[in-house]
Amino acid sequence: MNRSVFVTGATNGTGYAIAERFAREGYDIFIGSRELEKSTEAARSLSEKYGVFAKGYEYQTVTLDEAQVKGIFDDIRSIGYLLDTIVFNAANLGIGQVSLDVDINDFMGVYTTNIGWNFLMAREAARQMKEKGRGSIVFIGSNSALRVTENRCAYCSSKNAIIAMSKSFAVDWGKYGIRSNVVLPGMIKTERWVNNVNNTKYCLPNYTPIHDIAEFEDVANAAWYFGSDQSRNTTGTELAVDGGMLAQLTPNINRTLWED
């Protein structure tokens, strides 16, 4: 049986690119989404293109539902798999939460998804990996875990907490052959970014030292490195995929950005 990977938030964009990277390497794919129709379609597309087994799952992350998580992993087991890799791409972005005014339930909702839900999923995945004596947990974090952006307190602090959680997994579960690492993307060329002229011309995070920001495939390649045997002796660490933004103290705001 092929090796297998579960990717959350993988029906489009970065998540789909990650799932496709693993499918291209012959992994069987499990797709997670809040919409079953979309996850099923993404799985069908990957299966047809790469000849791998693929299946979509639906879940909600508004509240912590341990039974729902267990049900997903019980189903994976029932069709003959014990996961080799899980990649956490889905996240609550917490956009527009002004710290002085945000409702505490909205604030904690970001933590429910980014920390609580990811913990439940990682724990169930690790139980399967422990049986195999190996496995890899990969979080798609953000460079804003280390240098924050305005009005994103819940998001940035939860992404920082992911780094600590990943290190804890690396320490606690290393004896079972389980590794845990975090990819730290910066700006990514999402549809939202491409369609916003303010991003392409004026937004300071675009002033990267290499004069470019990440494509989906850049993040997918980093996730592949952490999720595969290429990083066999790497655990409890982070890899920034941000064009060098974390390396500089201040951006060079005098240079010209992208032209029309």
C-alpha atoms as a PDB file:
ATOM      1  CA  MET A   1       0.000   0.000   0.000  1.00  0.00           C
ATOM      2  CA  ASN A   2       1.213   3.516  -0.807  1.00  0.00           C
ATOM      3  CA  ARG A   3       2.179   5.958   1.888  1.00  0.00           C
ATOM      4  CA  SER A   4      -0.601   8.351   2.828  1.00  0.00           C
ATOM      5  CA  VAL A   5      -1.047  11.993   3.793  1.00  0.00           C
ATOM      6  CA  PHE A   6      -3.945  13.987   5.206  1.00  0.00           C
ATOM      7  CA  VAL A   7      -4.022  17.678   4.239  1.00  0.00           C
ATOM      8  CA  THR A   8      -6.512  20.041   5.864  1.00  0.00           C
ATOM      9  CA  GLY A   9      -7.975  22.966   3.958  1.00  0.00           C
ATOM     10  CA  ALA A  10      -6.843  21.373   0.706  1.00  0.00           C
ATOM     11  CA  THR A  11      -9.586  22.050  -1.833  1.00  0.00           C
ATOM     12  CA  ASN A  12      -7.766  24.984  -3.459  1.00  0.00           C
ATOM     13  CA  GLY A  13      -4.780  27.298  -3.215  1.00  0.00           C
ATOM     14  CA  THR A  14      -1.889  26.359  -0.969  1.00  0.00           C
ATOM     15  CA  GLY A  15      -3.610  23.317   0.518  1.00  0.00           C
ATOM     16  CA  TYR A  16      -4.420  21.812  -2.860  1.00  0.00           C
ATOM     17  CA  ALA A  17      -0.853  22.452  -4.053  1.00  0.00           C
ATOM     18  CA  ILE A  18       0.447  20.584  -0.997  1.00  0.00           C
ATOM     19  CA  ALA A  19      -1.844  17.621  -1.627  1.00  0.00           C
ATOM     20  CA  GLU A  20      -0.833  17.614  -5.281  1.00  0.00           C
ATOM     21  CA  ARG A  21       2.872  17.643  -4.358  1.00  0.00           C
ATOM     22  CA  PHE A  22       2.421  14.471  -2.321  1.00  0.00           C
ATOM     23  CA  ALA A  23       0.198  12.857  -4.977  1.00  0.00           C
ATOM     24  CA  ARG A  24       2.897  13.496  -7.561  1.00  0.00           C
ATOM     25  CA  GLU A  25       5.256  11.491  -5.350  1.00  0.00           C
ATOM     26  CA  GLY A  26       2.829   8.562  -5.215  1.00  0.00           C
ATOM     27  CA  TYR A  27       1.181   9.222  -1.833  1.00  0.00           C
ATOM     28  CA  ASP A  28      -2.474   8.357  -1.348  1.00  0.00           C
ATOM     29  CA  ILE A  29      -4.351  11.479  -0.338  1.00  0.00           C
ATOM     30  CA  PHE A  30      -6.967  12.409   2.251  1.00  0.00           C
ATOM     31  CA  ILE A  31      -8.478  15.877   1.819  1.00  0.00           C
ATOM     32  CA  GLY A  32     -10.086  17.836   4.650  1.00  0.00           C
ATOM     33  CA  SER A  33     -12.567  20.687   4.148  1.00  0.00           C
ATOM     34  CA  ARG A  34     -15.589  22.341   5.676  1.00  0.00           C
ATOM     35  CA  GLU A  35     -17.527  21.296   2.558  1.00  0.00           C
ATOM     36  CA  LEU A  36     -17.758  17.634   1.575  1.00  0.00           C
ATOM     37  CA  GLU A  37     -18.587  18.402  -2.059  1.00  0.00           C
ATOM     38  CA  LYS A  38     -15.391  20.410  -2.477  1.00  0.00           C
ATOM     39  CA  SER A  39     -13.156  17.901  -0.701  1.00  0.00           C
ATOM     40  CA  THR A  40     -14.630  15.060  -2.743  1.00  0.00           C
ATOM     41  CA  GLU A  41     -14.043  16.939  -5.988  1.00  0.00           C
ATOM     42  CA  ALA A  42     -10.439  17.777  -5.037  1.00  0.00           C
ATOM     43  CA  ALA A  43      -9.818  14.127  -4.180  1.00  0.00           C
ATOM     44  CA  ARG A  44     -11.344  12.989  -7.486  1.00  0.00           C
ATOM     45  CA  SER A  45      -9.177  15.416  -9.435  1.00  0.00           C
ATOM     46  CA  LEU A  46      -5.951  14.249  -7.783  1.00  0.00           C
ATOM     47  CA  SER A  47      -6.870  10.588  -8.133  1.00  0.00           C
ATOM     48  CA  GLU A  48      -7.566  10.921 -11.839  1.00  0.00           C
ATOM     49  CA  LYS A  49      -4.438  12.971 -12.532  1.00  0.00           C
ATOM     50  CA  TYR A  50      -1.916  10.918 -10.550  1.00  0.00           C
ATOM     51  CA  GLY A  51      -3.486   7.470 -10.274  1.00  0.00           C
ATOM     52  CA  VAL A  52      -3.488   7.486  -6.468  1.00  0.00           C
ATOM     53  CA  PHE A  53      -6.257   6.703  -4.016  1.00  0.00           C
ATOM     54  CA  ALA A  54      -7.858   9.861  -2.662  1.00  0.00           C
ATOM     55  CA  LYS A  55     -10.822  10.616  -0.421  1.00  0.00           C
ATOM     56  CA  GLY A  56     -12.425  13.799   0.873  1.00  0.00           C
ATOM     57  CA  TYR A  57     -13.755  14.511   4.353  1.00  0.00           C
ATOM     58  CA  GLU A  58     -15.975  17.207   5.810  1.00  0.00           C
ATOM     59  CA  TYR A  59     -15.654  18.671   9.294  1.00  0.00           C
ATOM     60  CA  GLN A  60     -16.542  21.779  11.229  1.00  0.00           C
ATOM     61  CA  THR A  61     -14.036  23.612  13.404  1.00  0.00           C
ATOM     62  CA  VAL A  62     -16.309  26.095  15.183  1.00  0.00           C
ATOM     63  CA  THR A  63     -16.499  23.897  18.274  1.00  0.00           C
ATOM     64  CA  LEU A  64     -14.217  21.133  19.464  1.00  0.00           C
ATOM     65  CA  ASP A  65     -15.807  17.811  18.537  1.00  0.00           C
ATOM     66  CA  GLU A  66     -13.561  14.944  19.576  1.00  0.00           C
ATOM     67  CA  ALA A  67     -16.019  12.329  18.361  1.00  0.00           C
ATOM     68  CA  GLN A  68     -16.007  13.847  14.886  1.00  0.00           C
ATOM     69  CA  VAL A  69     -12.211  13.784  14.757  1.00  0.00           C
ATOM     70  CA  LYS A  70     -12.089  10.179  15.944  1.00  0.00           C
ATOM     71  CA  GLY A  71     -14.666   9.263  13.320  1.00  0.00           C
ATOM     72  CA  ILE A  72     -12.466  10.609  10.523  1.00  0.00           C
ATOM     73  CA  PHE A  73      -9.438   8.634  11.646  1.00  0.00           C
ATOM     74  CA  ASP A  74     -11.489   5.513  12.328  1.00  0.00           C
ATOM     75  CA  ASP A  75     -12.664   5.688   8.732  1.00  0.00           C
ATOM     76  CA  ILE A  76      -9.092   6.062   7.459  1.00  0.00           C
ATOM     77  CA  ARG A  77      -8.159   2.974   9.464  1.00  0.00           C
ATOM     78  CA  SER A  78     -11.189   1.050   8.236  1.00  0.00           C
ATOM     79  CA  ILE A  79     -10.069   1.323   4.621  1.00  0.00           C
ATOM     80  CA  GLY A  80      -6.636  -0.018   5.489  1.00  0.00           C
ATOM     81  CA  TYR A  81      -4.483   3.006   6.238  1.00  0.00           C
ATOM     82  CA  LEU A  82      -2.368   4.273   9.095  1.00  0.00           C
ATOM     83  CA  LEU A  83      -1.296   7.813   8.218  1.00  0.00           C
ATOM     84  CA  ASP A  84       2.310   8.561   7.380  1.00  0.00           C
ATOM     85  CA  THR A  85       1.975  12.347   7.254  1.00  0.00           C
ATOM     86  CA  ILE A  86      -0.529  15.028   8.214  1.00  0.00           C
ATOM     87  CA  VAL A  87      -0.285  18.637   7.027  1.00  0.00           C
ATOM     88  CA  PHE A  88      -2.285  21.340   8.801  1.00  0.00           C
ATOM     89  CA  ASN A  89      -3.041  24.045   6.269  1.00  0.00           C
ATOM     90  CA  ALA A  90      -6.556  25.123   7.314  1.00  0.00           C
ATOM     91  CA  ALA A  91      -6.765  28.105   9.657  1.00  0.00           C
ATOM     92  CA  ASN A  92      -9.073  30.737  11.088  1.00  0.00           C
ATOM     93  CA  LEU A  93      -7.501  33.973   9.807  1.00  0.00           C
ATOM     94  CA  GLY A  94      -9.098  36.211  12.420  1.00  0.00           C
ATOM     95  CA  ILE A  95      -9.177  39.144  10.006  1.00  0.00           C
ATOM     96  CA  GLY A  96     -10.491  42.474  11.284  1.00  0.00           C
ATOM     97  CA  GLN A  97     -10.377  41.651  14.991  1.00  0.00           C
ATOM     98  CA  VAL A  98      -9.460  45.027  16.509  1.00  0.00           C
ATOM     99  CA  SER A  99      -7.995  44.156  19.899  1.00  0.00           C
ATOM    100  CA  LEU A 100      -9.844  46.831  21.887  1.00  0.00           C
ATOM    101  CA  ASP A 101     -13.220  45.885  20.452  1.00  0.00           C
ATOM    102  CA  VAL A 102     -13.135  42.216  19.476  1.00  0.00           C
ATOM    103  CA  ASP A 103     -15.730  39.913  21.010  1.00  0.00           C
ATOM    104  CA  ILE A 104     -13.954  37.371  23.206  1.00  0.00           C
ATOM    105  CA  ASN A 105     -15.865  34.517  21.562  1.00  0.00           C
ATOM    106  CA  ASP A 106     -14.587  35.571  18.150  1.00  0.00           C
ATOM    107  CA  PHE A 107     -11.080  35.864  19.569  1.00  0.00           C
ATOM    108  CA  MET A 108     -11.188  32.405  21.139  1.00  0.00           C
ATOM    109  CA  GLY A 109     -12.768  30.993  17.990  1.00  0.00           C
ATOM    110  CA  VAL A 110      -9.412  31.510  16.273  1.00  0.00           C
ATOM    111  CA  TYR A 111      -7.769  29.414  18.991  1.00  0.00           C
ATOM    112  CA  THR A 112     -10.454  26.743  18.736  1.00  0.00           C
ATOM    113  CA  THR A 113      -9.554  26.185  15.086  1.00  0.00           C
ATOM    114  CA  ASN A 114      -5.831  26.901  15.022  1.00  0.00           C
ATOM    115  CA  ILE A 115      -4.898  25.243  18.323  1.00  0.00           C
ATOM    116  CA  GLY A 116      -7.707  23.069  19.700  1.00  0.00           C
ATOM    117  CA  TRP A 117      -8.796  21.473  16.430  1.00  0.00           C
ATOM    118  CA  ASN A 118      -5.230  20.984  15.235  1.00  0.00           C
ATOM    119  CA  PHE A 119      -4.316  19.350  18.534  1.00  0.00           C
ATOM    120  CA  LEU A 120      -7.197  16.876  18.304  1.00  0.00           C
ATOM    121  CA  MET A 121      -6.307  16.004  14.718  1.00  0.00           C
ATOM    122  CA  ALA A 122      -2.580  15.698  15.467  1.00  0.00           C
ATOM    123  CA  ARG A 123      -3.222  13.438  18.447  1.00  0.00           C
ATOM    124  CA  GLU A 124      -5.361  11.029  16.440  1.00  0.00           C
ATOM    125  CA  ALA A 125      -2.828  11.024  13.621  1.00  0.00           C
ATOM    126  CA  ALA A 126       0.004  10.392  16.097  1.00  0.00           C
ATOM    127  CA  ARG A 127      -1.821   7.375  17.532  1.00  0.00           C
ATOM    128  CA  GLN A 128      -1.762   5.808  14.077  1.00  0.00           C
ATOM    129  CA  MET A 129       1.850   6.846  13.470  1.00  0.00           C
ATOM    130  CA  LYS A 130       2.895   5.328  16.773  1.00  0.00           C
ATOM    131  CA  GLU A 131       1.634   1.945  15.570  1.00  0.00           C
ATOM    132  CA  LYS A 132       3.802   2.267  12.464  1.00  0.00           C
ATOM    133  CA  GLY A 133       6.828   3.508  14.383  1.00  0.00           C
ATOM    134  CA  ARG A 134       7.166   6.599  12.197  1.00  0.00           C
ATOM    135  CA  GLY A 135       5.311   9.656  10.979  1.00  0.00           C
ATOM    136  CA  SER A 136       5.502  13.336  10.228  1.00  0.00           C
ATOM    137  CA  ILE A 137       3.347  16.235  11.407  1.00  0.00           C
ATOM    138  CA  VAL A 138       3.614  19.454   9.413  1.00  0.00           C
ATOM    139  CA  PHE A 139       2.018  22.760  10.354  1.00  0.00           C
ATOM    140  CA  ILE A 140       1.606  25.581   7.863  1.00  0.00           C
ATOM    141  CA  GLY A 141       2.168  28.512  10.175  1.00  0.00           C
ATOM    142  CA  SER A 142       3.065  32.090   9.293  1.00  0.00           C
ATOM    143  CA  ASN A 143       5.990  34.451   9.640  1.00  0.00           C
ATOM    144  CA  SER A 144       3.538  36.681  11.519  1.00  0.00           C
ATOM    145  CA  ALA A 145       3.986  34.242  14.401  1.00  0.00           C
ATOM    146  CA  LEU A 146       7.302  36.032  14.946  1.00  0.00           C
ATOM    147  CA  ARG A 147       6.612  39.538  13.606  1.00  0.00           C
ATOM    148  CA  VAL A 148       2.993  40.511  13.991  1.00  0.00           C
ATOM    149  CA  THR A 149       0.651  42.448  11.748  1.00  0.00           C
ATOM    150  CA  GLU A 150      -1.870  45.055  12.864  1.00  0.00           C
ATOM    151  CA  ASN A 151      -5.272  43.952  14.178  1.00  0.00           C
ATOM    152  CA  ARG A 152      -4.388  40.247  13.965  1.00  0.00           C
ATOM    153  CA  CYS A 153      -3.714  39.521  17.654  1.00  0.00           C
ATOM    154  CA  ALA A 154      -5.611  36.223  17.810  1.00  0.00           C
ATOM    155  CA  TYR A 155      -4.187  34.951  14.534  1.00  0.00           C
ATOM    156  CA  CYS A 156      -0.577  35.943  15.186  1.00  0.00           C
ATOM    157  CA  SER A 157      -0.532  34.678  18.765  1.00  0.00           C
ATOM    158  CA  SER A 158      -2.190  31.390  17.774  1.00  0.00           C
ATOM    159  CA  LYS A 159       0.413  30.885  15.052  1.00  0.00           C
ATOM    160  CA  ASN A 160       3.129  31.483  17.635  1.00  0.00           C
ATOM    161  CA  ALA A 161       1.446  28.902  19.870  1.00  0.00           C
ATOM    162  CA  ILE A 162       1.564  26.435  16.983  1.00  0.00           C
ATOM    163  CA  ILE A 163       5.356  26.665  17.029  1.00  0.00           C
ATOM    164  CA  ALA A 164       5.431  25.734  20.720  1.00  0.00           C
ATOM    165  CA  MET A 165       2.884  22.954  20.200  1.00  0.00           C
ATOM    166  CA  SER A 166       4.937  21.507  17.355  1.00  0.00           C
ATOM    167  CA  LYS A 167       8.093  21.537  19.472  1.00  0.00           C
ATOM    168  CA  SER A 168       6.191  19.779  22.249  1.00  0.00           C
ATOM    169  CA  PHE A 169       5.057  17.094  19.818  1.00  0.00           C
ATOM    170  CA  ALA A 170       8.637  16.688  18.614  1.00  0.00           C
ATOM    171  CA  VAL A 171       9.852  16.168  22.177  1.00  0.00           C
ATOM    172  CA  ASP A 172       6.940  14.076  23.452  1.00  0.00           C
ATOM    173  CA  TRP A 173       6.476  11.841  20.413  1.00  0.00           C
ATOM    174  CA  GLY A 174       9.990  11.589  19.031  1.00  0.00           C
ATOM    175  CA  LYS A 175      10.454   8.273  20.826  1.00  0.00           C
ATOM    176  CA  TYR A 176       7.695   6.863  18.618  1.00  0.00           C
ATOM    177  CA  GLY A 177       9.479   7.924  15.445  1.00  0.00           C
ATOM    178  CA  ILE A 178       7.159  10.909  14.974  1.00  0.00           C
ATOM    179  CA  ARG A 179       8.570  14.206  13.787  1.00  0.00           C
ATOM    180  CA  SER A 180       6.863  17.625  13.945  1.00  0.00           C
ATOM    181  CA  ASN A 181       7.848  20.809  12.124  1.00  0.00           C
ATOM    182  CA  VAL A 182       6.402  24.147  10.995  1.00  0.00           C
ATOM    183  CA  VAL A 183       6.529  25.945   7.650  1.00  0.00           C
ATOM    184  CA  LEU A 184       6.418  29.742   8.045  1.00  0.00           C
ATOM    185  CA  PRO A 185       5.140  31.336   4.838  1.00  0.00           C
ATOM    186  CA  GLY A 186       4.996  35.080   4.337  1.00  0.00           C
ATOM    187  CA  MET A 187       2.808  36.656   1.686  1.00  0.00           C
ATOM    188  CA  ILE A 188       1.438  34.132  -0.834  1.00  0.00           C
ATOM    189  CA  LYS A 189       0.003  34.857  -4.269  1.00  0.00           C
ATOM    190  CA  THR A 190      -3.540  33.904  -3.366  1.00  0.00           C
ATOM    191  CA  GLU A 191      -6.549  35.026  -5.398  1.00  0.00           C
ATOM    192  CA  ARG A 192      -7.230  37.634  -2.698  1.00  0.00           C
ATOM    193  CA  TRP A 193      -3.722  39.014  -3.080  1.00  0.00           C
ATOM    194  CA  VAL A 194      -3.744  39.035  -6.897  1.00  0.00           C
ATOM    195  CA  ASN A 195      -7.043  40.930  -7.031  1.00  0.00           C
ATOM    196  CA  ASN A 196      -5.963  43.625  -4.561  1.00  0.00           C
ATOM    197  CA  VAL A 197      -3.970  46.405  -6.233  1.00  0.00           C
ATOM    198  CA  ASN A 198      -2.966  47.772  -2.829  1.00  0.00           C
ATOM    199  CA  ASN A 199      -1.132  44.516  -2.147  1.00  0.00           C
ATOM    200  CA  THR A 200       0.830  44.529  -5.377  1.00  0.00           C
ATOM    201  CA  LYS A 201       1.914  48.164  -5.225  1.00  0.00           C
ATOM    202  CA  TYR A 202       1.839  49.545  -1.710  1.00  0.00           C
ATOM    203  CA  CYS A 203       1.754  46.858   0.976  1.00  0.00           C
ATOM    204  CA  LEU A 204       5.026  46.861   2.933  1.00  0.00           C
ATOM    205  CA  PRO A 205       5.181  43.061   3.384  1.00  0.00           C
ATOM    206  CA  ASN A 206       5.805  42.866  -0.374  1.00  0.00           C
ATOM    207  CA  TYR A 207       9.234  44.474   0.000  1.00  0.00           C
ATOM    208  CA  THR A 208      11.078  41.178   0.272  1.00  0.00           C
ATOM    209  CA  PRO A 209      14.862  40.999  -0.216  1.00  0.00           C
ATOM    210  CA  ILE A 210      14.398  38.760  -3.266  1.00  0.00           C
ATOM    211  CA  HIS A 211      11.743  41.085  -4.745  1.00  0.00           C
ATOM    212  CA  ASP A 212       9.074  38.382  -4.856  1.00  0.00           C
ATOM    213  CA  ILE A 213       6.601  36.518  -2.657  1.00  0.00           C
ATOM    214  CA  ALA A 214       5.623  32.854  -2.516  1.00  0.00           C
ATOM    215  CA  GLU A 215       3.735  30.854  -5.095  1.00  0.00           C
ATOM    216  CA  PHE A 216       1.589  27.977  -3.800  1.00  0.00           C
ATOM    217  CA  GLU A 217       4.253  25.537  -4.971  1.00  0.00           C
ATOM    218  CA  ASP A 218       6.937  27.167  -2.819  1.00  0.00           C
ATOM    219  CA  VAL A 219       4.991  26.339   0.328  1.00  0.00           C
ATOM    220  CA  ALA A 220       4.094  22.899  -1.021  1.00  0.00           C
ATOM    221  CA  ASN A 221       7.767  22.074  -1.582  1.00  0.00           C
ATOM    222  CA  ALA A 222       8.587  23.015   2.017  1.00  0.00           C
ATOM    223  CA  ALA A 223       5.696  20.886   3.291  1.00  0.00           C
ATOM    224  CA  TRP A 224       6.961  17.991   1.168  1.00  0.00           C
ATOM    225  CA  TYR A 225      10.440  18.314   2.656  1.00  0.00           C
ATOM    226  CA  PHE A 226       9.121  18.165   6.223  1.00  0.00           C
ATOM    227  CA  GLY A 227       6.515  15.501   5.459  1.00  0.00           C
ATOM    228  CA  SER A 228       8.795  13.100   3.604  1.00  0.00           C
ATOM    229  CA  ASP A 229      11.901  11.119   4.461  1.00  0.00           C
ATOM    230  CA  GLN A 230      14.008  13.930   3.009  1.00  0.00           C
ATOM    231  CA  SER A 231      13.848  15.482   6.486  1.00  0.00           C
ATOM    232  CA  ARG A 232      14.390  12.197   8.336  1.00  0.00           C
ATOM    233  CA  ASN A 233      16.591  13.807  11.023  1.00  0.00           C
ATOM    234  CA  THR A 234      14.733  17.133  11.250  1.00  0.00           C
ATOM    235  CA  THR A 235      12.170  17.758  13.981  1.00  0.00           C
ATOM    236  CA  GLY A 236      11.030  20.523  16.283  1.00  0.00           C
ATOM    237  CA  THR A 237      12.047  23.299  13.942  1.00  0.00           C
ATOM    238  CA  GLU A 238      10.695  25.890  11.498  1.00  0.00           C
ATOM    239  CA  LEU A 239      11.389  26.784   7.871  1.00  0.00           C
ATOM    240  CA  ALA A 240      10.571  30.316   6.689  1.00  0.00           C
ATOM    241  CA  VAL A 241       9.300  30.597   3.117  1.00  0.00           C
ATOM    242  CA  ASP A 242       8.891  34.355   3.022  1.00  0.00           C
ATOM    243  CA  GLY A 243      11.369  35.771   0.541  1.00  0.00           C
ATOM    244  CA  GLY A 244      13.667  36.787   3.371  1.00  0.00           C
ATOM    245  CA  MET A 245      11.238  39.063   5.252  1.00  0.00           C
ATOM    246  CA  LEU A 246      12.183  37.651   8.661  1.00  0.00           C
ATOM    247  CA  ALA A 247      15.859  38.196   7.880  1.00  0.00           C
ATOM    248  CA  GLN A 248      15.642  41.980   7.510  1.00  0.00           C
ATOM    249  CA  LEU A 249      15.144  44.595  10.201  1.00  0.00           C
ATOM    250  CA  THR A 250      13.507  47.118   7.883  1.00  0.00           C
ATOM    251  CA  PRO A 251      12.414  46.773   4.242  1.00  0.00           C
ATOM    252  CA  ASN A 252      13.947  48.827   1.452  1.00  0.00           C
ATOM    253  CA  ILE A 253      10.976  51.088   0.765  1.00  0.00           C
ATOM    254  CA  ASN A 254      12.870  53.168  -1.800  1.00  0.00           C
ATOM    255  CA  ARG A 255      12.933  50.478  -4.467  1.00  0.00           C
ATOM    256  CA  THR A 256      10.286  50.057  -7.146  1.00  0.00           C
ATOM    257  CA  LEU A 257       7.761  47.282  -6.714  1.00  0.00           C
ATOM    258  CA  TRP A 258       5.948  45.397  -9.472  1.00  0.00           C
ATOM    259  CA  GLU A 259       5.018  47.207 -12.637  1.00  0.00           C
ATOM    260  CA  ASP A 260       1.633  46.930 -14.353  1.00  0.00           C
END
